[in-house]
Amino acid sequence: MANGRTVYLHIGTEKTGTTTLQAMFATNRRVLAKAGILYPTTPGKANHAGLPIYALPVANRPDLYSMLQLSTPAEIEDYRSRFPQEFAAELDRSGCPHVVMSSEHLSSRLRHGPAIRRLLDVLKTCADAVKVIVYLRPQHELAPSSYSTSVKSGSTKPFRPPESAEDYFYNYDLLTRNWESQVGRENVVARIFSRNSFKDNSLIADIFDAMSLTVPAGLVIPDDKNTALAADALEFMRLANAILPRRLGGRINPDHIALVRLLTRMGPTPKFEIDRETAHAIENMFLDSNRAVAERYFPAMNGRLFPPAKAAETVPELPSSEALVRLAIEIWRSARLPPKPGAGRSGVHAPASA
């Protein structure tokens, strides 16, 4: 095509600051455009859920479709049919040589070559190059963090660690090889999700470095997004999900969203954690696949993708009935009073996270 345009496809993984990055990109569209960087709206305003929606066959994915306010099969098919032309038109109107797109669902849901190729076929008609950027987090940290997200999304299931080394969600060797087979190893950029590994100790600086782009002046940096629930709030929400489902009649339940926001407002402590034995079991399960990734992407690490797992020998038991009742009363009180600037509980609440 020889238009000089490059698409940077940030695919997650999940629980690696993706929501924060998406908020930053969406908030700064005008600043980015002045620097020749487009963060398009055709795939979505912040999370580009339209990319996996286009790439995957139509199925029962209400959580994904609701991000673009699609609810019926006809609406979904109409969006998928319009996407290539509307996406190409937006890129042409922008005149930007750099296009950044982001959705963690690309790493977790596009698990087979045909879906990835369907998306790449569109991208390659609009750009000369496609670069894939992926962030990797230790699996023993990902598991509890992902559990918090699943409960906030309506799950009633208790925490369960991964059970197989072939679990695609946790096996970074399978994930990266899947994308390498479609775009080439030279077009996949892997980064470690750790403040100590970030350029200038900043995730924002690091994502621009991964794209070999300069951070534009004047960026508005958002607060951290998608904050995990505290341990007691997490158990409360898990039990509440059976009574207050996330979806009613095919639509998002506003009462469920309100409860999640109230619980999030109370802060992430005490943190939900796993014990040392569980953390080491998860770590050992993925040592071989992590070693393969380290050898391809981080040769200086001598086969060790992440530092050894650190966790407490034991963790607190689940909250008692009395503790959950106390939390319910606290929620009731917080719902009656406007939030105040600051942090934590006892009637003083931090701003809610998205």
Protein backbone atom coordinates (compact mmCIF):
# COMPACT_ATOMS: atom_id res chain seq x y z
CA MET A 1 0.00 0.00 0.00
CA ALA A 2 2.99 2.26 0.67
CA ASN A 3 1.08 4.89 2.66
CA GLY A 4 3.68 5.02 5.44
CA ARG A 5 1.09 4.21 8.09
CA THR A 6 1.79 1.89 11.03
CA VAL A 7 -0.84 0.30 13.26
CA TYR A 8 0.18 -0.45 16.85
CA LEU A 9 -2.13 -3.12 18.23
CA HIS A 10 -2.04 -3.26 22.02
CA ILE A 11 -3.61 -6.61 22.95
CA GLY A 12 -3.30 -6.52 26.77
CA THR A 13 -2.96 -8.92 28.49
CA GLU A 14 -5.77 -8.52 31.00
CA LYS A 15 -4.95 -6.93 34.37
CA THR A 16 -1.89 -5.10 33.06
CA GLY A 17 -3.08 -1.50 33.31
CA THR A 18 -4.99 -1.75 30.03
CA THR A 19 -8.02 0.23 31.24
CA THR A 20 -5.72 3.02 32.43
CA LEU A 21 -3.93 3.12 29.07
CA GLN A 22 -7.22 3.18 27.20
CA ALA A 23 -8.46 6.06 29.35
CA MET A 24 -5.24 7.95 28.65
CA PHE A 25 -5.49 7.42 24.89
CA ALA A 26 -9.19 8.32 24.76
CA THR A 27 -8.80 11.41 26.96
CA ASN A 28 -5.92 12.73 24.85
CA ARG A 29 -7.24 12.14 21.32
CA ARG A 30 -6.66 15.75 20.25
CA VAL A 31 -3.18 15.92 21.76
CA LEU A 32 -2.27 12.65 20.09
CA ALA A 33 -3.66 13.74 16.73
CA LYS A 34 -1.47 16.84 16.77
CA ALA A 35 1.51 14.50 17.18
CA GLY A 36 0.35 12.38 14.22
CA ILE A 37 -1.13 9.60 16.37
CA LEU A 38 -4.72 8.46 15.86
CA TYR A 39 -6.69 6.65 18.56
CA PRO A 40 -9.74 5.77 16.45
CA THR A 41 -13.37 5.72 17.56
CA THR A 42 -14.77 3.26 15.03
CA PRO A 43 -13.73 0.25 17.20
CA GLY A 44 -14.95 1.97 20.41
CA LYS A 45 -14.41 5.13 22.43
CA ALA A 46 -11.88 3.75 24.93
CA ASN A 47 -11.73 -0.04 24.84
CA HIS A 48 -11.60 -1.05 21.19
CA ALA A 49 -14.01 -3.94 21.67
CA GLY A 50 -15.05 -3.54 18.06
CA LEU A 51 -11.85 -5.30 17.00
CA PRO A 52 -12.66 -8.69 18.60
CA ILE A 53 -16.34 -8.22 17.70
CA TYR A 54 -15.35 -7.93 14.05
CA ALA A 55 -12.78 -10.73 14.20
CA LEU A 56 -14.89 -13.35 16.01
CA PRO A 57 -17.98 -15.13 14.69
CA VAL A 58 -21.25 -13.92 16.20
CA ALA A 59 -21.90 -15.84 19.43
CA ASN A 60 -23.23 -15.30 22.95
CA ARG A 61 -20.86 -12.54 24.10
CA PRO A 62 -23.17 -9.98 25.78
CA ASP A 63 -20.39 -8.43 27.88
CA LEU A 64 -18.40 -7.69 24.72
CA TYR A 65 -21.31 -6.46 22.62
CA SER A 66 -22.60 -4.16 25.36
CA MET A 67 -19.37 -2.14 25.16
CA LEU A 68 -20.59 -0.86 21.79
CA GLN A 69 -24.26 -0.90 22.81
CA LEU A 70 -25.01 -3.78 20.48
CA SER A 71 -27.75 -6.10 21.69
CA THR A 72 -29.36 -7.98 18.80
CA PRO A 73 -27.80 -10.31 16.20
CA ALA A 74 -28.90 -7.89 13.47
CA GLU A 75 -27.10 -4.97 15.16
CA ILE A 76 -23.95 -7.06 15.59
CA GLU A 77 -23.93 -8.24 11.99
CA ASP A 78 -24.58 -4.71 10.76
CA TYR A 79 -21.61 -3.40 12.77
CA ARG A 80 -19.33 -6.16 11.48
CA SER A 81 -20.34 -5.50 7.88
CA ARG A 82 -19.77 -1.73 8.19
CA PHE A 83 -16.54 -1.89 10.18
CA PRO A 84 -13.89 -2.28 7.43
CA GLN A 85 -15.13 0.64 5.33
CA GLU A 86 -15.82 2.98 8.28
CA PHE A 87 -12.51 2.15 9.90
CA ALA A 88 -10.56 2.81 6.70
CA ALA A 89 -12.41 6.09 6.18
CA GLU A 90 -11.56 7.28 9.71
CA LEU A 91 -7.88 6.52 9.18
CA ASP A 92 -7.83 8.35 5.85
CA ARG A 93 -9.58 11.42 7.30
CA SER A 94 -7.07 11.66 10.13
CA GLY A 95 -3.98 11.81 7.97
CA CYS A 96 -2.03 10.37 10.91
CA PRO A 97 0.93 8.09 10.14
CA HIS A 98 0.54 6.26 13.47
CA VAL A 99 -2.60 4.42 14.61
CA VAL A 100 -2.89 3.04 18.14
CA MET A 101 -5.58 0.56 19.13
CA SER A 102 -6.15 -1.26 22.39
CA SER A 103 -8.29 -4.10 23.69
CA GLU A 104 -7.32 -6.76 26.22
CA HIS A 105 -9.95 -9.00 24.63
CA LEU A 106 -7.63 -9.45 21.68
CA SER A 107 -5.27 -11.50 23.83
CA SER A 108 -7.88 -13.39 25.83
CA ARG A 109 -10.44 -14.15 23.09
CA LEU A 110 -8.64 -14.31 19.75
CA ARG A 111 -7.14 -17.75 20.34
CA HIS A 112 -7.16 -19.12 16.80
CA GLY A 113 -5.50 -18.14 13.54
CA PRO A 114 -8.66 -17.48 11.48
CA ALA A 115 -9.94 -14.80 13.88
CA ILE A 116 -6.56 -13.07 14.05
CA ARG A 117 -6.20 -13.20 10.25
CA ARG A 118 -9.67 -11.73 9.74
CA LEU A 119 -8.68 -8.70 11.81
CA LEU A 120 -5.23 -8.40 10.25
CA ASP A 121 -6.69 -8.51 6.73
CA VAL A 122 -8.52 -5.26 7.51
CA LEU A 123 -5.56 -3.62 9.22
CA LYS A 124 -3.18 -4.49 6.42
CA THR A 125 -5.42 -2.83 3.83
CA CYS A 126 -5.05 0.42 5.80
CA ALA A 127 -1.39 0.34 6.83
CA ASP A 128 2.04 -0.72 5.68
CA ALA A 129 2.94 -2.30 9.02
CA VAL A 130 1.18 -3.84 12.01
CA LYS A 131 3.01 -4.05 15.33
CA VAL A 132 1.56 -6.07 18.22
CA ILE A 133 2.29 -4.98 21.81
CA VAL A 134 1.63 -7.27 24.76
CA TYR A 135 2.26 -6.85 28.49
CA LEU A 136 2.96 -9.88 30.65
CA ARG A 137 2.37 -10.21 34.38
CA PRO A 138 3.40 -13.06 36.73
CA GLN A 139 0.64 -15.65 36.68
CA HIS A 140 0.47 -15.85 40.48
CA GLU A 141 -0.41 -12.14 40.46
CA LEU A 142 -2.73 -12.36 37.46
CA ALA A 143 -4.91 -15.09 39.02
CA PRO A 144 -6.20 -13.16 42.07
CA SER A 145 -6.43 -9.90 40.14
CA SER A 146 -8.44 -11.58 37.39
CA TYR A 147 -10.69 -13.11 40.05
CA SER A 148 -11.55 -9.62 41.31
CA THR A 149 -12.49 -8.55 37.79
CA SER A 150 -14.66 -11.63 37.25
CA VAL A 151 -16.57 -10.96 40.46
CA LYS A 152 -17.07 -7.29 39.54
CA SER A 153 -18.40 -8.58 36.22
CA GLY A 154 -21.01 -10.75 37.92
CA SER A 155 -19.37 -14.09 38.71
CA THR A 156 -20.62 -16.10 41.70
CA LYS A 157 -17.77 -18.63 41.58
CA PRO A 158 -15.16 -18.73 44.37
CA PHE A 159 -11.50 -18.29 43.55
CA ARG A 160 -9.88 -21.18 41.72
CA PRO A 161 -6.24 -21.15 40.61
CA PRO A 162 -5.36 -22.30 37.07
CA GLU A 163 -5.36 -26.08 36.77
CA SER A 164 -3.37 -26.69 33.59
CA ALA A 165 -0.12 -25.46 32.10
CA GLU A 166 -2.00 -25.33 28.79
CA ASP A 167 -4.50 -22.76 30.04
CA TYR A 168 -4.32 -20.18 27.26
CA PHE A 169 -5.25 -17.28 29.54
CA TYR A 170 -2.05 -17.87 31.56
CA ASN A 171 0.27 -19.52 29.04
CA TYR A 172 2.21 -16.65 27.49
CA ASP A 173 4.16 -18.93 25.17
CA LEU A 174 0.95 -20.09 23.47
CA LEU A 175 -0.30 -16.50 23.30
CA THR A 176 2.81 -14.93 21.82
CA ARG A 177 3.42 -17.77 19.35
CA ASN A 178 -0.17 -17.42 18.17
CA TRP A 179 0.39 -13.79 17.19
CA GLU A 180 3.93 -14.41 15.94
CA SER A 181 2.56 -16.95 13.47
CA GLN A 182 0.35 -14.25 11.94
CA VAL A 183 2.50 -11.08 12.04
CA GLY A 184 6.02 -12.45 12.48
CA ARG A 185 8.20 -12.52 15.60
CA GLU A 186 9.84 -9.22 14.58
CA ASN A 187 6.45 -7.47 14.82
CA VAL A 188 5.55 -8.58 18.34
CA VAL A 189 6.80 -6.45 21.23
CA ALA A 190 6.56 -8.03 24.69
CA ARG A 191 6.92 -6.01 27.89
CA ILE A 192 6.93 -6.96 31.57
CA PHE A 193 4.16 -5.38 33.62
CA SER A 194 6.19 -4.12 36.55
CA ARG A 195 6.97 -0.58 37.62
CA ASN A 196 10.65 -1.50 37.91
CA SER A 197 10.60 -2.67 34.30
CA PHE A 198 8.78 0.35 32.87
CA LYS A 199 10.69 3.07 31.12
CA ASP A 200 11.09 5.91 33.64
CA ASN A 201 9.00 3.77 36.06
CA SER A 202 5.90 4.85 34.15
CA LEU A 203 3.43 2.66 32.25
CA ILE A 204 2.52 5.66 30.07
CA ALA A 205 6.14 6.28 29.12
CA ASP A 206 6.63 2.56 28.57
CA ILE A 207 3.80 2.09 26.07
CA PHE A 208 5.13 4.94 23.93
CA ASP A 209 8.63 3.46 24.18
CA ALA A 210 7.24 0.09 23.07
CA MET A 211 5.88 1.83 19.97
CA SER A 212 9.15 3.75 19.44
CA LEU A 213 7.17 6.98 19.68
CA THR A 214 7.84 10.13 21.68
CA VAL A 215 5.40 10.93 24.48
CA PRO A 216 3.47 13.99 23.23
CA ALA A 217 3.66 17.12 25.34
CA GLY A 218 0.55 18.06 27.28
CA LEU A 219 -0.84 14.59 27.93
CA VAL A 220 -3.50 14.41 30.65
CA ILE A 221 -2.64 11.41 32.83
CA PRO A 222 -5.74 9.72 34.31
CA ASP A 223 -5.94 8.04 37.69
CA ASP A 224 -5.51 4.29 37.80
CA LYS A 225 -8.60 2.51 36.52
CA ASN A 226 -10.29 -0.84 37.19
CA THR A 227 -9.12 -0.99 40.81
CA ALA A 228 -9.43 -4.37 42.52
CA LEU A 229 -11.97 -4.78 45.32
CA ALA A 230 -10.81 -5.32 48.89
CA ALA A 231 -10.96 -8.91 50.14
CA ASP A 232 -14.12 -8.52 52.24
CA ALA A 233 -15.84 -6.41 49.56
CA LEU A 234 -14.93 -9.05 46.99
CA GLU A 235 -16.63 -11.83 48.97
CA PHE A 236 -19.64 -9.59 49.60
CA MET A 237 -19.94 -8.86 45.87
CA ARG A 238 -19.54 -12.51 44.91
CA LEU A 239 -22.46 -13.49 47.17
CA ALA A 240 -24.50 -10.48 46.08
CA ASN A 241 -24.14 -11.44 42.41
CA ALA A 242 -26.54 -14.35 42.96
CA ILE A 243 -29.22 -11.91 44.12
CA LEU A 244 -28.26 -8.83 42.12
CA PRO A 245 -27.14 -10.11 38.70
CA ARG A 246 -25.07 -7.95 36.39
CA ARG A 247 -27.55 -8.40 33.54
CA LEU A 248 -31.34 -8.23 33.56
CA GLY A 249 -33.40 -8.88 30.47
CA GLY A 250 -30.33 -8.79 28.28
CA ARG A 251 -29.20 -5.38 29.57
CA ILE A 252 -26.71 -4.19 32.16
CA ASN A 253 -28.29 -3.94 35.61
CA PRO A 254 -27.70 -0.35 36.87
CA ASP A 255 -28.07 -1.47 40.51
CA HIS A 256 -25.23 -3.94 40.04
CA ILE A 257 -23.01 -1.21 38.55
CA ALA A 258 -23.88 1.12 41.44
CA LEU A 259 -22.94 -1.51 44.03
CA VAL A 260 -19.61 -2.22 42.36
CA ARG A 261 -18.84 1.50 42.34
CA LEU A 262 -19.68 1.85 46.02
CA LEU A 263 -17.47 -1.09 46.94
CA THR A 264 -14.65 0.17 44.73
CA ARG A 265 -14.91 3.56 46.36
CA MET A 266 -14.00 1.97 49.69
CA GLY A 267 -10.51 1.17 48.46
CA PRO A 268 -8.54 -2.00 47.64
CA THR A 269 -7.43 -2.90 51.17
CA PRO A 270 -7.33 -5.34 52.81
CA LYS A 271 -6.07 -6.87 49.61
CA PHE A 272 -7.30 -10.24 48.37
CA GLU A 273 -4.23 -12.51 48.31
CA ILE A 274 -3.32 -16.12 47.77
CA ASP A 275 -1.05 -18.08 50.13
CA ARG A 276 2.56 -19.00 49.44
CA GLU A 277 1.82 -22.63 48.56
CA THR A 278 -0.77 -21.62 45.94
CA ALA A 279 1.48 -18.89 44.52
CA HIS A 280 4.40 -21.31 44.13
CA ALA A 281 2.17 -23.96 42.56
CA ILE A 282 0.99 -21.45 39.95
CA GLU A 283 4.53 -20.24 39.36
CA ASN A 284 5.87 -23.77 38.86
CA MET A 285 3.01 -24.67 36.53
CA PHE A 286 4.16 -22.05 33.99
CA LEU A 287 7.94 -22.16 34.44
CA ASP A 288 8.52 -23.94 31.13
CA SER A 289 6.26 -21.72 29.04
CA ASN A 290 7.68 -18.61 30.73
CA ARG A 291 11.19 -19.84 30.00
CA ALA A 292 10.35 -20.15 26.31
CA VAL A 293 9.05 -16.56 26.24
CA ALA A 294 12.09 -15.27 28.11
CA GLU A 295 14.44 -16.94 25.65
CA ARG A 296 12.72 -15.29 22.68
CA TYR A 297 12.04 -11.84 24.09
CA PHE A 298 14.30 -11.30 27.11
CA PRO A 299 17.56 -13.23 26.55
CA ALA A 300 19.34 -11.24 29.27
CA MET A 301 17.02 -12.79 31.87
CA ASN A 302 18.62 -16.23 31.45
CA GLY A 303 15.32 -18.05 31.08
CA ARG A 304 13.61 -16.43 34.07
CA LEU A 305 10.66 -14.29 32.87
CA PHE A 306 9.65 -13.09 36.34
CA PRO A 307 11.30 -12.86 39.77
CA PRO A 308 10.46 -15.69 42.21
CA ALA A 309 6.97 -15.49 43.66
CA LYS A 310 6.55 -13.78 47.01
CA ALA A 311 3.48 -14.43 49.15
CA ALA A 312 2.51 -14.77 52.80
CA GLU A 313 2.58 -18.29 54.21
CA THR A 314 -1.07 -17.98 55.16
CA VAL A 315 -3.80 -15.51 54.26
CA PRO A 316 -6.87 -14.34 56.22
CA GLU A 317 -9.96 -16.51 56.10
CA LEU A 318 -13.09 -15.36 54.29
CA PRO A 319 -15.03 -12.69 56.21
CA SER A 320 -17.56 -13.87 58.77
CA SER A 321 -21.30 -13.26 58.52
CA GLU A 322 -20.95 -10.46 61.05
CA ALA A 323 -18.20 -8.81 59.00
CA LEU A 324 -20.37 -8.97 55.87
CA VAL A 325 -23.30 -7.44 57.73
CA ARG A 326 -21.05 -4.62 58.94
CA LEU A 327 -19.94 -4.06 55.36
CA ALA A 328 -23.57 -3.97 54.23
CA ILE A 329 -24.29 -1.26 56.79
CA GLU A 330 -21.24 0.67 55.60
CA ILE A 331 -22.45 0.43 52.02
CA TRP A 332 -25.88 1.67 53.06
CA ARG A 333 -24.36 4.64 54.87
CA SER A 334 -22.07 5.50 51.97
CA ALA A 335 -25.01 5.41 49.57
CA ARG A 336 -26.83 7.97 51.70
CA LEU A 337 -23.91 10.39 51.88
CA PRO A 338 -22.01 12.06 49.04
CA PRO A 339 -18.40 10.84 48.73
CA LYS A 340 -15.75 13.04 50.27
CA PRO A 341 -12.23 13.57 48.93
CA GLY A 342 -9.71 11.28 50.54
CA ALA A 343 -9.33 7.60 51.09
CA GLY A 344 -10.73 4.56 52.70
CA ARG A 345 -13.58 3.63 54.93
CA SER A 346 -15.41 4.86 58.02
CA GLY A 347 -17.45 7.32 56.02
CA VAL A 348 -14.55 8.90 54.12
CA HIS A 349 -14.42 7.64 50.57
CA ALA A 350 -12.01 7.93 47.70
CA PRO A 351 -13.39 8.82 44.26
CA ALA A 352 -14.82 5.84 42.43
CA SER A 353 -12.70 4.16 39.79
CA ALA A 354 -14.09 3.30 36.40
